[in-house]
C-alpha atoms as a PDB file:
ATOM      1  CA  GLN A   1       8.553   5.770 -16.316  1.00  0.00           C
ATOM      2  CA  VAL A   2       6.085   3.713 -13.948  1.00  0.00           C
ATOM      3  CA  GLN A   3       3.850   6.374 -12.446  1.00  0.00           C
ATOM      4  CA  LEU A   4       1.994   5.183  -9.177  1.00  0.00           C
ATOM      5  CA  VAL A   5      -0.943   7.377  -8.098  1.00  0.00           C
ATOM      6  CA  GLU A   6      -2.423   6.799  -4.296  1.00  0.00           C
ATOM      7  CA  SER A   7      -5.914   7.825  -2.935  1.00  0.00           C
ATOM      8  CA  GLY A   8      -8.216   7.338  -0.606  1.00  0.00           C
ATOM      9  CA  GLY A   9      -6.452   8.636   2.687  1.00  0.00           C
ATOM     10  CA  GLY A  10      -7.906  10.757   5.368  1.00  0.00           C
ATOM     11  CA  LEU A  11      -9.025  11.371   8.685  1.00  0.00           C
ATOM     12  CA  VAL A  12     -10.493   8.588  10.860  1.00  0.00           C
ATOM     13  CA  GLN A  13     -11.698   7.862  14.200  1.00  0.00           C
ATOM     14  CA  PRO A  14     -10.117   4.989  16.014  1.00  0.00           C
ATOM     15  CA  GLY A  15     -12.063   1.771  14.919  1.00  0.00           C
ATOM     16  CA  GLY A  16     -13.078   3.120  11.821  1.00  0.00           C
ATOM     17  CA  SER A  17     -12.034   1.786   8.388  1.00  0.00           C
ATOM     18  CA  LEU A  18     -10.466   2.847   5.103  1.00  0.00           C
ATOM     19  CA  THR A  19      -9.941   1.973   1.598  1.00  0.00           C
ATOM     20  CA  LEU A  20      -6.830   2.804  -0.277  1.00  0.00           C
ATOM     21  CA  SER A  21      -5.941   2.454  -3.949  1.00  0.00           C
ATOM     22  CA  CYS A  22      -3.162   2.665  -6.372  1.00  0.00           C
ATOM     23  CA  ALA A  23      -3.515   3.168  -9.624  1.00  0.00           C
ATOM     24  CA  ALA A  24      -0.604   2.034 -12.299  1.00  0.00           C
ATOM     25  CA  PRO A  25      -1.680   3.031 -15.582  1.00  0.00           C
ATOM     26  CA  GLY A  26       0.536   1.906 -18.887  1.00  0.00           C
ATOM     27  CA  ILE A  27       2.312  -1.077 -17.168  1.00  0.00           C
ATOM     28  CA  ASN A  28       1.930  -4.486 -17.772  1.00  0.00           C
ATOM     29  CA  PHE A  29       0.916  -4.658 -13.992  1.00  0.00           C
ATOM     30  CA  ASN A  30       0.494  -8.600 -13.665  1.00  0.00           C
ATOM     31  CA  LEU A  31       4.567  -8.625 -13.505  1.00  0.00           C
ATOM     32  CA  TYR A  32       5.211  -6.393 -10.923  1.00  0.00           C
ATOM     33  CA  ALA A  33       5.287  -7.259  -6.953  1.00  0.00           C
ATOM     34  CA  MET A  34       3.265  -4.878  -5.292  1.00  0.00           C
ATOM     35  CA  GLY A  35       3.215  -3.550  -1.967  1.00  0.00           C
ATOM     36  CA  TRP A  36       1.747  -1.019   0.512  1.00  0.00           C
ATOM     37  CA  HIS A  37       4.424   0.885   2.838  1.00  0.00           C
ATOM     38  CA  ARG A  38       3.781   3.433   5.385  1.00  0.00           C
ATOM     39  CA  GLN A  39       5.893   6.251   7.469  1.00  0.00           C
ATOM     40  CA  ALA A  40       5.092   7.985  10.381  1.00  0.00           C
ATOM     41  CA  PRO A  41       6.596  10.955  11.527  1.00  0.00           C
ATOM     42  CA  GLY A  42      10.238  10.206  12.997  1.00  0.00           C
ATOM     43  CA  LYS A  43      10.097   6.618  12.002  1.00  0.00           C
ATOM     44  CA  GLN A  44      11.554   4.332   9.169  1.00  0.00           C
ATOM     45  CA  ARG A  45       9.683   3.306   6.351  1.00  0.00           C
ATOM     46  CA  GLU A  46       7.811   0.129   6.753  1.00  0.00           C
ATOM     47  CA  LEU A  47       6.520  -2.706   4.599  1.00  0.00           C
ATOM     48  CA  VAL A  48       2.662  -2.928   5.442  1.00  0.00           C
ATOM     49  CA  ALA A  49       1.717  -5.739   3.289  1.00  0.00           C
ATOM     50  CA  GLY A  50       2.775  -6.946  -0.296  1.00  0.00           C
ATOM     51  CA  PHE A  51       2.688  -9.294  -3.025  1.00  0.00           C
ATOM     52  CA  SER A  52       5.726 -10.834  -3.819  1.00  0.00           C
ATOM     53  CA  SER A  53       6.249 -11.619  -7.591  1.00  0.00           C
ATOM     54  CA  GLY A  54       5.410 -14.863  -7.028  1.00  0.00           C
ATOM     55  CA  GLY A  55       2.149 -13.923  -5.745  1.00  0.00           C
ATOM     56  CA  LYS A  56       2.537 -14.651  -1.845  1.00  0.00           C
ATOM     57  CA  ILE A  57       1.056 -12.298   0.288  1.00  0.00           C
ATOM     58  CA  ASN A  58       2.470 -10.963   3.354  1.00  0.00           C
ATOM     59  CA  TYR A  59       1.725  -8.413   6.299  1.00  0.00           C
ATOM     60  CA  VAL A  60       3.486  -7.043   9.071  1.00  0.00           C
ATOM     61  CA  ASP A  61       2.501  -8.390  12.095  1.00  0.00           C
ATOM     62  CA  SER A  62       0.701  -5.223  13.967  1.00  0.00           C
ATOM     63  CA  VAL A  63      -2.052  -5.229  10.684  1.00  0.00           C
ATOM     64  CA  LYS A  64      -2.835  -8.538  10.385  1.00  0.00           C
ATOM     65  CA  GLY A  65      -6.116  -9.771  10.834  1.00  0.00           C
ATOM     66  CA  ARG A  66      -7.171  -5.966  10.313  1.00  0.00           C
ATOM     67  CA  PHE A  67      -6.364  -5.380   6.987  1.00  0.00           C
ATOM     68  CA  THR A  68      -6.617  -6.771   3.704  1.00  0.00           C
ATOM     69  CA  ILE A  69      -4.416  -6.024   0.379  1.00  0.00           C
ATOM     70  CA  SER A  70      -5.987  -7.043  -2.933  1.00  0.00           C
ATOM     71  CA  ARG A  71      -5.175  -6.167  -6.705  1.00  0.00           C
ATOM     72  CA  ASP A  72      -7.089  -6.058  -9.467  1.00  0.00           C
ATOM     73  CA  ASN A  73      -4.412  -6.948 -12.734  1.00  0.00           C
ATOM     74  CA  ALA A  74      -7.251  -6.298 -15.478  1.00  0.00           C
ATOM     75  CA  LYS A  75      -7.477  -2.473 -13.686  1.00  0.00           C
ATOM     76  CA  ASN A  76      -3.907  -2.026 -12.602  1.00  0.00           C
ATOM     77  CA  MET A  77      -5.155  -1.157  -9.433  1.00  0.00           C
ATOM     78  CA  MET A  78      -3.999  -2.479  -5.761  1.00  0.00           C
ATOM     79  CA  TYR A  79      -5.892  -1.602  -2.660  1.00  0.00           C
ATOM     80  CA  LEU A  80      -5.693  -1.937   1.035  1.00  0.00           C
ATOM     81  CA  GLN A  81      -8.635  -2.087   3.007  1.00  0.00           C
ATOM     82  CA  MET A  82      -8.088  -1.587   6.532  1.00  0.00           C
ATOM     83  CA  ASN A  83     -10.357  -1.790   9.221  1.00  0.00           C
ATOM     84  CA  SER A  84     -10.374  -1.750  13.088  1.00  0.00           C
ATOM     85  CA  LEU A  85      -7.689   1.492  12.915  1.00  0.00           C
ATOM     86  CA  LYS A  86      -6.011   2.561  15.560  1.00  0.00           C
ATOM     87  CA  PRO A  87      -3.828   6.019  16.122  1.00  0.00           C
ATOM     88  CA  GLU A  88      -0.615   3.915  15.469  1.00  0.00           C
ATOM     89  CA  ASP A  89      -1.475   3.344  12.009  1.00  0.00           C
ATOM     90  CA  THR A  90      -1.306   6.982  11.407  1.00  0.00           C
ATOM     91  CA  ALA A  91       0.928   7.832   8.510  1.00  0.00           C
ATOM     92  CA  VAL A  92       1.574   8.164   4.672  1.00  0.00           C
ATOM     93  CA  TYR A  93       1.011   5.046   2.805  1.00  0.00           C
ATOM     94  CA  TYR A  94       3.067   4.727  -0.183  1.00  0.00           C
ATOM     95  CA  CYS A  95       2.311   2.633  -3.136  1.00  0.00           C
ATOM     96  CA  ASN A  96       5.241   0.442  -4.664  1.00  0.00           C
ATOM     97  CA  ALA A  97       6.274  -1.524  -7.337  1.00  0.00           C
ATOM     98  CA  ALA A  98       9.017  -3.601  -8.033  1.00  0.00           C
ATOM     99  CA  ILE A  99      10.211  -5.879 -11.120  1.00  0.00           C
ATOM    100  CA  THR A 100      13.444  -7.465 -11.447  1.00  0.00           C
ATOM    101  CA  MET A 101      14.733  -7.458 -15.136  1.00  0.00           C
ATOM    102  CA  SER A 102      18.672  -6.753 -16.138  1.00  0.00           C
ATOM    103  CA  LYS A 103      18.411  -5.476 -12.748  1.00  0.00           C
ATOM    104  CA  ARG A 104      16.006  -4.826  -9.798  1.00  0.00           C
ATOM    105  CA  TYR A 105      13.491  -1.596 -10.508  1.00  0.00           C
ATOM    106  CA  THR A 106      11.365   0.071  -7.586  1.00  0.00           C
ATOM    107  CA  TYR A 107       8.852   2.689  -7.738  1.00  0.00           C
ATOM    108  CA  TRP A 108       6.935   4.725  -5.385  1.00  0.00           C
ATOM    109  CA  GLY A 109       3.782   6.535  -5.389  1.00  0.00           C
ATOM    110  CA  GLN A 110       3.277  10.365  -3.911  1.00  0.00           C
ATOM    111  CA  GLY A 111       1.530   8.667  -0.604  1.00  0.00           C
ATOM    112  CA  THR A 112      -1.513   9.318   0.649  1.00  0.00           C
ATOM    113  CA  GLN A 113      -1.879  10.508   4.563  1.00  0.00           C
ATOM    114  CA  VAL A 114      -3.855   8.191   7.033  1.00  0.00           C
ATOM    115  CA  THR A 115      -4.885   9.737  10.043  1.00  0.00           C
ATOM    116  CA  VAL A 116      -6.719   8.438  12.689  1.00  0.00           C
ATOM    117  CA  SER A 117      -7.733  10.278  15.588  1.00  0.00           C
ATOM    118  CA  SER A 118     -10.564  11.123  18.083  1.00  0.00           C
END
């Protein structure tokens, strides 16, 4: 069973910054496509930023130029640096890992709350 643990959420003022971390102990981390998703109240979960299995990075348009995703395969860690935060970035942020073997397996962390408010 793959366990994903997010940390780093919190309350921040508009224009501020936060860095989210996702730990994925005990797996062959570099084989997994990884990403950050978020879900705001009353809205569907959306992909914020992610690495494809081929290593390509994608961002949702609303965070381009403000958020940076990174991963450290040696430490089994993924990060999301969030700058210039806006109230509309308020959501629960989830770490996601996926791998295709005989079928596609997808795993989720428990989520971490990010609140952007003055």
